[in-house]
N, C-alpha and C. Protein backbone atom coordinates (compact mmCIF):
# COMPACT_ATOMS: atom_id res chain seq x y z
N MET A 1 77.57 83.02 1.23
CA MET A 1 77.96 81.68 0.86
C MET A 1 76.92 81.04 -0.07
N GLU A 2 75.64 81.22 0.25
CA GLU A 2 74.58 80.66 -0.60
C GLU A 2 74.60 81.27 -1.98
N MET A 3 74.91 82.56 -2.07
CA MET A 3 74.95 83.26 -3.35
C MET A 3 76.04 82.68 -4.24
N GLN A 4 77.19 82.37 -3.65
CA GLN A 4 78.29 81.79 -4.41
C GLN A 4 77.91 80.41 -4.94
N GLY A 5 77.24 79.61 -4.13
CA GLY A 5 76.78 78.29 -4.55
C GLY A 5 75.78 78.39 -5.70
N ALA A 6 74.90 79.39 -5.63
CA ALA A 6 73.91 79.60 -6.69
C ALA A 6 74.59 80.03 -7.98
N GLU A 7 75.61 80.88 -7.86
CA GLU A 7 76.35 81.32 -9.05
C GLU A 7 77.09 80.15 -9.70
N GLU A 8 77.68 79.29 -8.87
CA GLU A 8 78.39 78.11 -9.39
C GLU A 8 77.41 77.16 -10.10
N GLU A 9 76.24 76.99 -9.52
CA GLU A 9 75.24 76.12 -10.13
C GLU A 9 74.76 76.71 -11.46
N LEU A 10 74.57 78.03 -11.49
CA LEU A 10 74.17 78.70 -12.71
C LEU A 10 75.25 78.54 -13.79
N GLU A 11 76.51 78.69 -13.41
CA GLU A 11 77.63 78.51 -14.34
C GLU A 11 77.67 77.06 -14.88
N ARG A 12 77.47 76.09 -13.98
CA ARG A 12 77.48 74.68 -14.37
C ARG A 12 76.36 74.40 -15.38
N ARG A 13 75.18 74.92 -15.12
CA ARG A 13 74.04 74.72 -16.03
C ARG A 13 74.27 75.41 -17.36
N SER A 14 74.87 76.59 -17.33
CA SER A 14 75.16 77.33 -18.55
C SER A 14 76.14 76.54 -19.43
N LYS A 15 77.18 75.98 -18.82
CA LYS A 15 78.15 75.18 -19.57
C LYS A 15 77.48 73.95 -20.17
N PHE A 16 76.60 73.32 -19.40
CA PHE A 16 75.89 72.14 -19.88
C PHE A 16 75.02 72.49 -21.09
N LEU A 17 74.26 73.58 -20.99
CA LEU A 17 73.41 73.99 -22.11
C LEU A 17 74.24 74.36 -23.34
N ASN A 18 75.37 75.04 -23.14
CA ASN A 18 76.25 75.37 -24.25
C ASN A 18 76.79 74.11 -24.92
N SER A 19 77.09 73.08 -24.13
CA SER A 19 77.59 71.83 -24.72
C SER A 19 76.49 71.16 -25.54
N LEU A 20 75.24 71.23 -25.08
CA LEU A 20 74.12 70.67 -25.85
C LEU A 20 73.93 71.42 -27.16
N ILE A 21 74.04 72.74 -27.10
CA ILE A 21 73.90 73.56 -28.31
C ILE A 21 75.01 73.21 -29.30
N GLN A 22 76.24 73.06 -28.82
CA GLN A 22 77.37 72.73 -29.69
C GLN A 22 77.17 71.35 -30.33
N LYS A 23 76.68 70.39 -29.56
CA LYS A 23 76.42 69.05 -30.12
C LYS A 23 75.37 69.13 -31.22
N LYS A 24 74.34 69.93 -31.01
CA LYS A 24 73.28 70.10 -32.00
C LYS A 24 73.84 70.74 -33.27
N LYS A 25 74.70 71.76 -33.12
CA LYS A 25 75.33 72.40 -34.28
C LYS A 25 76.21 71.42 -35.04
N ASN A 26 76.98 70.61 -34.30
CA ASN A 26 77.85 69.62 -34.94
C ASN A 26 77.02 68.60 -35.72
N ALA A 27 75.91 68.17 -35.14
CA ALA A 27 75.03 67.21 -35.82
C ALA A 27 74.45 67.83 -37.09
N ALA A 28 74.08 69.11 -37.04
CA ALA A 28 73.54 69.80 -38.22
C ALA A 28 74.61 69.92 -39.30
N GLU A 29 75.84 70.24 -38.92
CA GLU A 29 76.94 70.33 -39.88
C GLU A 29 77.19 68.96 -40.53
N GLN A 30 77.16 67.92 -39.72
CA GLN A 30 77.36 66.55 -40.20
C GLN A 30 76.29 66.21 -41.24
N GLU A 31 75.06 66.58 -40.95
CA GLU A 31 73.94 66.32 -41.86
C GLU A 31 74.13 67.07 -43.18
N GLN A 32 74.61 68.32 -43.11
CA GLN A 32 74.86 69.09 -44.33
C GLN A 32 75.96 68.44 -45.17
N ASN A 33 77.03 67.96 -44.49
CA ASN A 33 78.11 67.27 -45.21
C ASN A 33 77.57 66.04 -45.93
N HIS A 34 76.72 65.28 -45.25
CA HIS A 34 76.12 64.08 -45.85
C HIS A 34 75.29 64.46 -47.07
N ASP A 35 74.51 65.53 -46.94
CA ASP A 35 73.68 65.97 -48.06
C ASP A 35 74.53 66.37 -49.26
N ARG A 36 75.63 67.10 -48.99
CA ARG A 36 76.52 67.53 -50.07
C ARG A 36 77.14 66.34 -50.79
N MET A 37 77.48 65.30 -50.05
CA MET A 37 78.10 64.12 -50.65
C MET A 37 77.07 63.10 -51.13
N ASN A 38 75.79 63.39 -50.89
CA ASN A 38 74.71 62.48 -51.24
C ASN A 38 74.86 61.14 -50.53
N VAL A 39 75.14 61.21 -49.23
CA VAL A 39 75.37 60.02 -48.40
C VAL A 39 74.21 59.86 -47.42
N ARG A 40 73.83 58.60 -47.20
CA ARG A 40 72.82 58.30 -46.18
C ARG A 40 73.27 57.08 -45.39
N VAL A 41 73.43 57.26 -44.09
CA VAL A 41 73.84 56.14 -43.23
C VAL A 41 72.62 55.25 -43.02
N ARG A 42 72.79 53.97 -43.27
CA ARG A 42 71.71 53.00 -43.08
C ARG A 42 71.83 52.33 -41.72
N ALA A 43 73.06 51.98 -41.32
CA ALA A 43 73.31 51.38 -40.00
C ALA A 43 74.80 51.55 -39.70
N SER A 44 75.12 51.78 -38.43
CA SER A 44 76.53 51.97 -38.08
C SER A 44 76.76 51.88 -36.59
N ASP A 45 77.92 51.37 -36.22
CA ASP A 45 78.41 51.53 -34.85
C ASP A 45 79.83 52.09 -34.90
N MET A 46 80.17 52.66 -36.05
CA MET A 46 81.50 53.20 -36.31
C MET A 46 81.60 54.64 -35.81
N PRO A 47 82.75 55.03 -35.21
CA PRO A 47 82.94 56.42 -34.79
C PRO A 47 82.83 57.38 -35.98
N LEU A 48 82.34 58.58 -35.74
CA LEU A 48 82.11 59.55 -36.80
C LEU A 48 83.35 59.87 -37.65
N PRO A 49 84.53 60.02 -37.05
CA PRO A 49 85.69 60.31 -37.91
C PRO A 49 85.96 59.21 -38.95
N LEU A 50 85.77 57.95 -38.56
CA LEU A 50 85.96 56.85 -39.51
C LEU A 50 84.85 56.85 -40.56
N GLN A 51 83.61 57.15 -40.14
CA GLN A 51 82.52 57.24 -41.10
C GLN A 51 82.83 58.31 -42.14
N ASN A 52 83.26 59.47 -41.68
CA ASN A 52 83.56 60.56 -42.60
C ASN A 52 84.70 60.20 -43.55
N HIS A 53 85.67 59.45 -43.04
CA HIS A 53 86.78 58.99 -43.89
C HIS A 53 86.23 58.07 -44.99
N ALA A 54 85.33 57.17 -44.62
CA ALA A 54 84.73 56.25 -45.60
C ALA A 54 83.92 57.03 -46.64
N PHE A 55 83.13 58.01 -46.20
CA PHE A 55 82.31 58.79 -47.12
C PHE A 55 83.17 59.56 -48.10
N LYS A 56 84.21 60.22 -47.58
CA LYS A 56 85.08 61.02 -48.45
C LYS A 56 85.83 60.13 -49.43
N THR A 57 86.33 59.00 -48.96
CA THR A 57 87.04 58.07 -49.84
C THR A 57 86.11 57.56 -50.94
N ALA A 58 84.91 57.14 -50.55
CA ALA A 58 83.94 56.64 -51.54
C ALA A 58 83.57 57.73 -52.54
N ARG A 59 83.32 58.95 -52.03
CA ARG A 59 82.96 60.05 -52.92
C ARG A 59 84.08 60.33 -53.91
N ASP A 60 85.33 60.37 -53.44
CA ASP A 60 86.48 60.63 -54.32
C ASP A 60 86.62 59.56 -55.39
N ILE A 61 86.44 58.30 -55.00
CA ILE A 61 86.57 57.19 -55.95
C ILE A 61 85.46 57.25 -56.99
N ILE A 62 84.23 57.45 -56.54
CA ILE A 62 83.09 57.53 -57.46
C ILE A 62 83.26 58.71 -58.42
N ASP A 63 83.70 59.85 -57.89
CA ASP A 63 83.90 61.03 -58.75
C ASP A 63 85.00 60.79 -59.77
N SER A 64 86.02 60.00 -59.41
CA SER A 64 87.10 59.72 -60.36
C SER A 64 86.63 58.82 -61.50
N MET A 65 85.51 58.11 -61.30
CA MET A 65 84.93 57.24 -62.34
C MET A 65 83.80 57.94 -63.07
N ALA A 66 83.69 59.24 -62.95
CA ALA A 66 82.54 59.99 -63.45
C ALA A 66 82.16 59.67 -64.89
N SER A 67 83.16 59.57 -65.77
CA SER A 67 82.83 59.34 -67.18
C SER A 67 82.58 57.86 -67.47
N LEU A 68 82.94 57.02 -66.52
CA LEU A 68 82.78 55.58 -66.71
C LEU A 68 81.60 55.06 -65.91
N LYS A 69 81.19 53.85 -66.22
CA LYS A 69 80.17 53.18 -65.41
C LYS A 69 80.81 52.84 -64.05
N LEU A 70 80.03 52.90 -62.99
CA LEU A 70 80.55 52.60 -61.66
C LEU A 70 81.13 51.19 -61.63
N ASP A 71 82.36 51.07 -61.16
CA ASP A 71 83.03 49.79 -61.00
C ASP A 71 82.96 49.41 -59.51
N SER A 72 81.96 48.59 -59.15
CA SER A 72 81.74 48.22 -57.75
C SER A 72 82.94 47.53 -57.13
N LYS A 73 83.60 46.65 -57.92
CA LYS A 73 84.77 45.94 -57.38
C LYS A 73 85.91 46.91 -57.06
N ARG A 74 86.11 47.89 -57.94
CA ARG A 74 87.17 48.87 -57.72
C ARG A 74 86.88 49.71 -56.47
N LEU A 75 85.63 50.12 -56.31
CA LEU A 75 85.25 50.88 -55.13
C LEU A 75 85.46 50.06 -53.86
N ALA A 76 85.02 48.80 -53.88
CA ALA A 76 85.18 47.93 -52.71
C ALA A 76 86.66 47.72 -52.38
N LEU A 77 87.47 47.43 -53.40
CA LEU A 77 88.90 47.20 -53.18
C LEU A 77 89.58 48.46 -52.64
N SER A 78 89.25 49.61 -53.21
CA SER A 78 89.86 50.87 -52.77
C SER A 78 89.52 51.19 -51.32
N LEU A 79 88.24 51.01 -50.94
CA LEU A 79 87.85 51.26 -49.56
C LEU A 79 88.53 50.29 -48.60
N LYS A 80 88.57 49.02 -48.97
CA LYS A 80 89.21 48.01 -48.13
C LYS A 80 90.68 48.34 -47.93
N LYS A 81 91.40 48.63 -49.02
CA LYS A 81 92.83 48.95 -48.92
C LYS A 81 93.07 50.20 -48.09
N GLU A 82 92.24 51.22 -48.29
CA GLU A 82 92.38 52.47 -47.54
C GLU A 82 92.22 52.22 -46.04
N PHE A 83 91.20 51.44 -45.67
CA PHE A 83 90.96 51.19 -44.25
C PHE A 83 91.97 50.21 -43.67
N ASP A 84 92.41 49.21 -44.43
CA ASP A 84 93.46 48.31 -43.95
C ASP A 84 94.74 49.09 -43.66
N SER A 85 95.12 49.98 -44.57
CA SER A 85 96.38 50.70 -44.39
C SER A 85 96.29 51.77 -43.31
N THR A 86 95.12 52.36 -43.13
CA THR A 86 94.97 53.43 -42.14
C THR A 86 94.66 52.90 -40.74
N TYR A 87 93.78 51.89 -40.66
CA TYR A 87 93.30 51.43 -39.35
C TYR A 87 93.70 49.99 -39.03
N GLY A 88 94.51 49.37 -39.86
CA GLY A 88 94.96 47.99 -39.63
C GLY A 88 93.96 46.99 -40.17
N PRO A 89 94.43 45.72 -40.32
CA PRO A 89 93.56 44.68 -40.87
C PRO A 89 92.51 44.27 -39.85
N ALA A 90 91.48 43.62 -40.20
CA ALA A 90 91.11 43.12 -41.50
C ALA A 90 89.74 43.69 -41.85
N TRP A 91 89.75 44.61 -42.81
CA TRP A 91 88.53 45.24 -43.27
C TRP A 91 87.96 44.49 -44.46
N HIS A 92 86.66 44.50 -44.58
CA HIS A 92 85.95 43.85 -45.69
C HIS A 92 84.96 44.86 -46.24
N CYS A 93 84.75 44.81 -47.55
CA CYS A 93 83.86 45.79 -48.17
C CYS A 93 83.03 45.12 -49.25
N ILE A 94 81.73 45.37 -49.22
CA ILE A 94 80.79 44.86 -50.22
C ILE A 94 80.09 46.08 -50.81
N VAL A 95 80.07 46.16 -52.13
CA VAL A 95 79.47 47.29 -52.82
C VAL A 95 78.51 46.78 -53.88
N GLY A 96 77.34 47.37 -53.97
CA GLY A 96 76.40 46.98 -55.00
C GLY A 96 75.09 47.71 -54.87
N THR A 97 74.15 47.33 -55.73
CA THR A 97 72.83 47.96 -55.68
C THR A 97 71.79 47.04 -55.06
N SER A 98 72.13 45.75 -54.93
CA SER A 98 71.20 44.81 -54.33
C SER A 98 71.97 43.62 -53.78
N PHE A 99 72.02 43.52 -52.47
CA PHE A 99 72.68 42.36 -51.84
C PHE A 99 72.15 42.20 -50.43
N GLY A 100 72.23 40.97 -49.95
CA GLY A 100 71.89 40.69 -48.57
C GLY A 100 73.17 40.33 -47.84
N SER A 101 73.17 40.49 -46.53
CA SER A 101 74.37 40.15 -45.76
C SER A 101 74.00 39.84 -44.33
N TYR A 102 74.88 39.10 -43.71
CA TYR A 102 74.78 38.83 -42.28
C TYR A 102 76.20 38.60 -41.83
N VAL A 103 76.78 39.56 -41.12
CA VAL A 103 78.19 39.49 -40.81
C VAL A 103 78.44 39.66 -39.31
N THR A 104 79.58 39.14 -38.87
CA THR A 104 80.07 39.39 -37.53
C THR A 104 81.21 40.39 -37.67
N HIS A 105 81.19 41.43 -36.85
CA HIS A 105 82.19 42.48 -36.99
C HIS A 105 82.76 42.87 -35.63
N SER A 106 83.91 43.51 -35.67
CA SER A 106 84.52 44.03 -34.45
C SER A 106 83.74 45.25 -33.97
N LEU A 107 83.70 45.43 -32.67
CA LEU A 107 83.00 46.57 -32.07
C LEU A 107 83.54 47.88 -32.63
N GLY A 108 82.65 48.74 -33.10
CA GLY A 108 83.05 50.03 -33.66
C GLY A 108 83.54 49.94 -35.09
N GLY A 109 83.36 48.77 -35.72
CA GLY A 109 83.88 48.57 -37.06
C GLY A 109 82.83 48.18 -38.07
N PHE A 110 81.66 48.81 -38.03
CA PHE A 110 80.59 48.46 -38.96
C PHE A 110 79.95 49.73 -39.52
N LEU A 111 79.84 49.78 -40.85
CA LEU A 111 79.19 50.91 -41.50
C LEU A 111 78.48 50.43 -42.75
N TYR A 112 77.20 50.72 -42.83
CA TYR A 112 76.40 50.41 -44.01
C TYR A 112 75.78 51.73 -44.46
N PHE A 113 76.13 52.17 -45.66
CA PHE A 113 75.63 53.45 -46.13
C PHE A 113 75.37 53.42 -47.63
N SER A 114 74.60 54.40 -48.08
CA SER A 114 74.39 54.56 -49.52
C SER A 114 75.03 55.87 -49.93
N ILE A 115 75.53 55.87 -51.16
CA ILE A 115 76.11 57.08 -51.73
C ILE A 115 75.69 57.07 -53.19
N ASP A 116 75.02 58.12 -53.62
CA ASP A 116 74.35 58.14 -54.92
C ASP A 116 73.37 56.97 -54.94
N LYS A 117 73.49 56.05 -55.89
CA LYS A 117 72.54 54.93 -55.95
C LYS A 117 73.19 53.59 -55.61
N VAL A 118 74.36 53.66 -54.97
CA VAL A 118 75.08 52.43 -54.63
C VAL A 118 75.12 52.27 -53.10
N TYR A 119 75.12 51.02 -52.66
CA TYR A 119 75.17 50.72 -51.24
C TYR A 119 76.53 50.14 -50.90
N VAL A 120 77.05 50.53 -49.73
CA VAL A 120 78.37 50.10 -49.30
C VAL A 120 78.27 49.52 -47.89
N LEU A 121 78.80 48.31 -47.73
CA LEU A 121 78.91 47.68 -46.42
C LEU A 121 80.40 47.54 -46.14
N LEU A 122 80.86 48.21 -45.09
CA LEU A 122 82.27 48.20 -44.71
C LEU A 122 82.34 47.73 -43.26
N PHE A 123 83.11 46.67 -43.02
CA PHE A 123 83.20 46.18 -41.65
C PHE A 123 84.56 45.57 -41.37
N LYS A 124 84.90 45.54 -40.09
CA LYS A 124 86.19 45.01 -39.65
C LYS A 124 85.97 43.75 -38.84
N THR A 125 86.88 42.79 -39.03
CA THR A 125 86.87 41.57 -38.22
C THR A 125 88.21 41.45 -37.51
N ALA A 126 88.21 40.77 -36.40
CA ALA A 126 89.44 40.56 -35.64
C ALA A 126 90.29 39.53 -36.37
N VAL A 127 91.59 39.72 -36.33
CA VAL A 127 92.52 38.79 -36.95
C VAL A 127 93.42 38.23 -35.86
N ASP A 128 93.40 36.91 -35.70
CA ASP A 128 94.27 36.26 -34.74
C ASP A 128 95.47 35.67 -35.47
N PRO A 129 96.70 35.87 -34.93
CA PRO A 129 97.86 35.28 -35.60
C PRO A 129 97.77 33.75 -35.57
N LEU A 130 98.26 33.13 -36.63
CA LEU A 130 98.25 31.67 -36.71
C LEU A 130 99.32 31.10 -35.79
N GLU A 131 98.98 30.05 -35.10
CA GLU A 131 99.95 29.35 -34.25
C GLU A 131 100.84 28.50 -35.13
N GLN A 132 102.14 28.55 -34.94
CA GLN A 132 103.07 27.72 -35.76
C GLN A 132 103.34 26.41 -35.10
């Protein structure tokens, strides 16, 4: 009976260690993706899938402007529209190379990152319906 308990404990610990190893591998892959896209997270409480969506969207938009000068307003509008349509209203986006901010955001809806030499602040606020 004791041997079976020891085997179960060993199995439990092995699963735990494997889960830690997998988390470490996932974090390393995430870091490589960021490096490839030239992205650096400055501050965030946003879930990783949403962060990755923002990075890919920003990268695609910036790459589409490759021959032109970066249009910060276009990038901000495109990110806002993408997130409004995918995750619901009300997303706000500020893009530039130098700005200050102080915002209130919904839980899990804040991301401040740099991509190339531009900084992006993307955040969500709660929207209450107007009383008629």
